[in-house]
Amino acid sequence: MITKSIPSLFTVGNLFLGIVAIILVFNEKPELAAMMVIIAMLLDGVDGRIARALNAQSEFGKELDSLSDVISFGVAPAFIMYVVAFQDLNQAASWIVTALFPICGALRLARFNVISGMPGYFIGLPIPAAGGVLCTLALFYKDIPVAVLMASTLLLSFLMVSTVKYPNFKKIGIPKGAIWVVPIVVVIAVVLGYLFPKHLSKIIFVPLLLYALYGLKKNVSAVMRLTSRKNRRRRAAEEAAKSEHSA
């Protein structure tokens, strides 16, 4: 019974860190708040793997994971961005953009729970990645115009509910004998996050951003290839029609 509860403990830890992140940002500690979201991402990444390794997967764990993700990677990052960048803007616009992010995240999770995706891919940007990008992007609020931050928030919201394909690394499992390493990794991440919240969060921003842009680039490339094929077919049809006309 205790073994079956271990994955849920990691999920509850994810939820706890999301709530702590919200508290920290309202106490003027956005760097630490962003770090809490990043560590929550680590917990979210291992809970499913531990469940599979222990053969402890359940519908309860799946639903708990989704509810935790809405808070940790939807509400918390949105509040981090709102507190550091949007508070002085037009109230209606800032409230709508802030609310839209967790709403799209919830829609993304609901779709994920009821529709089977493609093997090896997520359909739409996963909410942990979107939340990670948003909360670390917020740390650059002094260097990036607020209009860009607002547009980025809207873009991330759109990518979550889009049909853009993103690589799925969650199927990479953890051997049962190596599960004991996970708490050590989490403790090291917490210590590093506490000691270097600002620098570590900004460093992590780079791979998260590349992941978000990768899916967008891949989707744009696919659309361009499809358009190119259609253009070639149209030109071939036109040339064939001209040949028949001249004959």
Protein backbone atom coordinates (compact mmCIF):
# COMPACT_ATOMS: atom_id res chain seq x y z
CA MET A 1 0.00 0.00 0.00
CA ILE A 2 2.84 2.41 0.88
CA THR A 3 4.62 1.57 -2.38
CA LYS A 4 1.48 2.42 -4.37
CA SER A 5 1.35 5.85 -2.68
CA ILE A 6 4.92 6.90 -3.55
CA PRO A 7 4.09 8.38 -7.00
CA SER A 8 1.23 10.41 -5.46
CA LEU A 9 3.62 11.84 -2.87
CA PHE A 10 5.74 13.28 -5.69
CA THR A 11 2.60 14.68 -7.32
CA VAL A 12 1.52 16.30 -4.03
CA GLY A 13 5.04 17.73 -3.75
CA ASN A 14 4.58 19.24 -7.21
CA LEU A 15 1.30 20.84 -6.06
CA PHE A 16 2.88 22.09 -2.82
CA LEU A 17 5.70 23.81 -4.72
CA GLY A 18 3.19 25.47 -7.04
CA ILE A 19 1.35 26.96 -4.06
CA VAL A 20 4.66 28.03 -2.50
CA ALA A 21 5.60 29.73 -5.78
CA ILE A 22 2.39 31.81 -5.67
CA ILE A 23 3.10 32.83 -2.06
CA LEU A 24 6.72 33.73 -2.86
CA VAL A 25 5.91 35.95 -5.83
CA PHE A 26 3.40 37.93 -3.77
CA ASN A 27 6.17 38.33 -1.19
CA GLU A 28 8.39 39.93 -3.86
CA LYS A 29 10.61 36.89 -4.44
CA PRO A 30 10.00 36.09 -8.14
CA GLU A 31 13.35 34.32 -8.60
CA LEU A 32 12.60 31.82 -5.84
CA ALA A 33 9.02 31.49 -7.10
CA ALA A 34 10.26 30.59 -10.59
CA MET A 35 12.69 28.10 -9.06
CA MET A 36 9.83 26.40 -7.22
CA VAL A 37 8.04 25.91 -10.54
CA ILE A 38 11.21 24.44 -12.08
CA ILE A 39 11.59 21.97 -9.20
CA ALA A 40 7.88 21.14 -9.51
CA MET A 41 8.64 20.28 -13.16
CA LEU A 42 11.27 17.83 -11.94
CA LEU A 43 8.75 16.15 -9.62
CA ASP A 44 6.16 16.07 -12.40
CA GLY A 45 8.69 14.44 -14.68
CA VAL A 46 9.46 11.58 -12.31
CA ASP A 47 6.08 10.75 -10.73
CA GLY A 48 4.78 8.95 -13.81
CA ARG A 49 8.05 7.11 -14.33
CA ILE A 50 8.06 5.97 -10.71
CA ALA A 51 4.44 4.83 -11.05
CA ARG A 52 5.36 2.73 -14.08
CA ALA A 53 8.48 1.35 -12.41
CA LEU A 54 6.47 0.31 -9.33
CA ASN A 55 3.45 -0.77 -11.39
CA ALA A 56 1.42 1.75 -9.36
CA GLN A 57 -0.41 3.58 -12.16
CA SER A 58 -4.01 4.52 -11.40
CA GLU A 59 -6.83 6.81 -12.52
CA PHE A 60 -6.56 8.58 -9.15
CA GLY A 61 -2.90 9.40 -9.81
CA LYS A 62 -3.71 10.60 -13.31
CA GLU A 63 -6.42 12.99 -12.11
CA LEU A 64 -4.30 14.24 -9.20
CA ASP A 65 -1.45 14.93 -11.59
CA SER A 66 -3.67 17.02 -13.87
CA LEU A 67 -5.12 19.05 -10.99
CA SER A 68 -1.63 19.68 -9.60
CA ASP A 69 -0.33 20.74 -13.03
CA VAL A 70 -3.05 23.38 -13.41
CA ILE A 71 -1.84 25.04 -10.19
CA SER A 72 1.92 24.57 -10.52
CA PHE A 73 2.32 25.21 -14.25
CA GLY A 74 -0.80 27.23 -15.03
CA VAL A 75 -1.80 29.47 -12.14
CA ALA A 76 1.64 29.93 -10.52
CA PRO A 77 3.54 31.01 -13.70
CA ALA A 78 0.65 33.28 -14.71
CA PHE A 79 0.76 35.01 -11.32
CA ILE A 80 4.55 35.32 -11.47
CA MET A 81 4.29 37.10 -14.81
CA TYR A 82 1.36 39.23 -13.63
CA VAL A 83 3.08 40.40 -10.44
CA VAL A 84 6.41 41.32 -12.05
CA ALA A 85 5.20 42.73 -15.39
CA PHE A 86 1.45 43.22 -15.79
CA GLN A 87 0.25 44.95 -12.62
CA ASP A 88 0.70 48.49 -13.95
CA LEU A 89 -1.00 47.81 -17.29
CA ASN A 90 -4.63 48.28 -18.24
CA GLN A 91 -6.47 46.19 -15.66
CA ALA A 92 -8.87 44.46 -18.06
CA ALA A 93 -6.11 43.49 -20.52
CA SER A 94 -3.71 42.25 -17.84
CA TRP A 95 -6.40 40.23 -16.06
CA ILE A 96 -7.60 38.61 -19.29
CA VAL A 97 -4.09 37.67 -20.50
CA THR A 98 -3.18 36.35 -17.03
CA ALA A 99 -6.36 34.26 -16.78
CA LEU A 100 -6.08 32.97 -20.34
CA PHE A 101 -2.84 31.11 -19.63
CA PRO A 102 -4.14 28.72 -16.91
CA ILE A 103 -7.45 28.37 -18.78
CA CYS A 104 -5.64 27.15 -21.91
CA GLY A 105 -3.50 24.93 -19.69
CA ALA A 106 -6.61 23.34 -18.18
CA LEU A 107 -8.07 22.80 -21.66
CA ARG A 108 -4.79 21.23 -22.78
CA LEU A 109 -4.83 18.80 -19.83
CA ALA A 110 -8.48 17.92 -20.33
CA ARG A 111 -7.83 17.12 -24.00
CA PHE A 112 -4.77 15.06 -23.05
CA ASN A 113 -6.85 13.00 -20.57
CA VAL A 114 -9.62 12.11 -23.00
CA ILE A 115 -7.92 11.96 -26.42
CA SER A 116 -5.07 9.59 -27.19
CA GLY A 117 -2.18 11.41 -28.83
CA MET A 118 0.36 10.23 -31.38
CA PRO A 119 2.98 7.69 -30.26
CA GLY A 120 6.11 9.55 -29.20
CA TYR A 121 4.49 12.98 -29.40
CA PHE A 122 2.33 15.39 -27.42
CA ILE A 123 -0.38 17.30 -29.26
CA GLY A 124 0.05 20.89 -28.13
CA LEU A 125 2.78 22.31 -25.91
CA PRO A 126 2.73 20.43 -22.56
CA ILE A 127 1.70 22.70 -19.69
CA PRO A 128 4.87 22.04 -17.60
CA ALA A 129 7.03 23.29 -20.49
CA ALA A 130 4.74 26.29 -21.11
CA GLY A 131 4.73 27.17 -17.40
CA GLY A 132 8.48 26.78 -17.19
CA VAL A 133 9.02 29.13 -20.12
CA LEU A 134 6.57 31.70 -18.74
CA CYS A 135 7.90 31.84 -15.18
CA THR A 136 11.55 32.06 -16.28
CA LEU A 137 10.72 34.55 -19.03
CA ALA A 138 9.17 36.75 -16.33
CA LEU A 139 12.61 37.11 -14.73
CA PHE A 140 13.71 39.14 -17.77
CA TYR A 141 10.96 41.73 -17.20
CA LYS A 142 13.52 44.54 -16.83
CA ASP A 143 15.16 43.72 -20.18
CA ILE A 144 12.17 42.81 -22.36
CA PRO A 145 9.35 45.24 -23.30
CA VAL A 146 6.10 44.42 -21.55
CA ALA A 147 4.31 44.19 -24.92
CA VAL A 148 6.65 41.32 -25.86
CA LEU A 149 5.99 39.60 -22.52
CA MET A 150 2.25 39.90 -23.07
CA ALA A 151 2.50 38.60 -26.64
CA SER A 152 4.66 35.70 -25.42
CA THR A 153 2.05 34.80 -22.80
CA LEU A 154 -0.64 34.73 -25.49
CA LEU A 155 1.58 32.66 -27.81
CA LEU A 156 2.30 30.08 -25.10
CA SER A 157 -1.43 29.91 -24.32
CA PHE A 158 -2.18 29.28 -27.98
CA LEU A 159 0.55 26.63 -28.34
CA MET A 160 -0.94 24.63 -25.45
CA VAL A 161 -4.32 24.27 -27.17
CA SER A 162 -2.88 24.01 -30.69
CA THR A 163 -2.30 20.81 -32.68
CA VAL A 164 1.45 21.41 -32.90
CA LYS A 165 3.38 18.18 -32.19
CA TYR A 166 6.05 18.08 -29.48
CA PRO A 167 8.42 15.18 -28.66
CA ASN A 168 7.30 13.08 -25.70
CA PHE A 169 10.16 12.13 -23.38
CA LYS A 170 7.91 10.75 -20.62
CA LYS A 171 8.15 7.20 -21.93
CA ILE A 172 11.82 7.09 -20.92
CA GLY A 173 11.54 4.96 -17.80
CA ILE A 174 13.41 4.70 -14.51
CA PRO A 175 14.71 1.23 -13.57
CA LYS A 176 13.10 0.00 -10.37
CA GLY A 177 16.52 -0.40 -8.75
CA ALA A 178 17.39 3.25 -9.42
CA ILE A 179 14.30 4.81 -7.81
CA TRP A 180 16.28 5.58 -4.65
CA VAL A 181 18.35 8.07 -6.69
CA VAL A 182 15.28 10.26 -7.39
CA PRO A 183 14.98 11.80 -3.86
CA ILE A 184 18.71 12.63 -3.95
CA VAL A 185 18.32 14.41 -7.30
CA VAL A 186 15.32 16.34 -5.97
CA VAL A 187 17.19 17.41 -2.82
CA ILE A 188 20.19 18.57 -4.89
CA ALA A 189 17.82 20.54 -7.17
CA VAL A 190 16.16 22.18 -4.16
CA VAL A 191 19.53 23.17 -2.64
CA LEU A 192 20.84 24.58 -5.94
CA GLY A 193 17.55 26.37 -6.53
CA TYR A 194 17.69 27.98 -3.10
CA LEU A 195 21.34 29.02 -3.44
CA PHE A 196 21.20 30.26 -7.04
CA PRO A 197 17.52 30.98 -7.81
CA LYS A 198 18.06 33.82 -10.25
CA HIS A 199 20.94 32.41 -12.29
CA LEU A 200 19.70 28.82 -12.39
CA SER A 201 16.21 29.83 -13.47
CA LYS A 202 17.56 31.98 -16.30
CA ILE A 203 19.83 29.17 -17.48
CA ILE A 204 16.95 26.70 -17.53
CA PHE A 205 14.91 29.20 -19.58
CA VAL A 206 17.07 28.49 -22.67
CA PRO A 207 16.33 24.75 -23.18
CA LEU A 208 12.67 25.27 -22.30
CA LEU A 209 12.37 28.03 -24.89
CA LEU A 210 14.12 25.88 -27.52
CA TYR A 211 11.65 23.06 -26.83
CA ALA A 212 8.68 25.43 -27.23
CA LEU A 213 10.09 26.85 -30.48
CA TYR A 214 11.07 23.41 -31.82
CA GLY A 215 7.49 22.25 -32.12
CA LEU A 216 6.46 25.56 -33.70
CA LYS A 217 9.29 25.40 -36.23
CA LYS A 218 8.52 21.78 -37.06
CA ASN A 219 4.85 22.60 -37.62
CA VAL A 220 5.68 25.63 -39.82
CA SER A 221 8.14 23.50 -41.83
CA ALA A 222 5.45 20.85 -42.37
CA VAL A 223 2.98 23.49 -43.57
CA MET A 224 5.61 24.92 -45.94
CA ARG A 225 6.38 21.45 -47.34
CA LEU A 226 2.66 20.78 -47.85
CA THR A 227 2.22 24.15 -49.58
CA SER A 228 5.26 23.48 -51.76
CA ARG A 229 3.87 20.08 -52.83
CA LYS A 230 0.51 21.65 -53.67
CA ASN A 231 2.25 24.36 -55.73
CA ARG A 232 4.28 21.74 -57.61
CA ARG A 233 1.16 19.72 -58.36
CA ARG A 234 -0.66 22.83 -59.55
CA ARG A 235 2.22 23.82 -61.83
CA ALA A 236 2.43 20.27 -63.19
CA ALA A 237 -1.33 20.31 -63.88
CA GLU A 238 -1.06 23.70 -65.61
CA GLU A 239 1.85 22.51 -67.74
CA ALA A 240 -0.05 19.35 -68.68
CA ALA A 241 -3.08 21.44 -69.63
CA LYS A 242 -0.90 23.72 -71.80
CA SER A 243 0.66 20.71 -73.51
CA GLU A 244 -2.76 19.27 -74.33
CA HIS A 245 -3.96 22.67 -75.61
CA SER A 246 -0.92 23.16 -77.86
CA ALA A 247 -1.25 19.62 -79.22
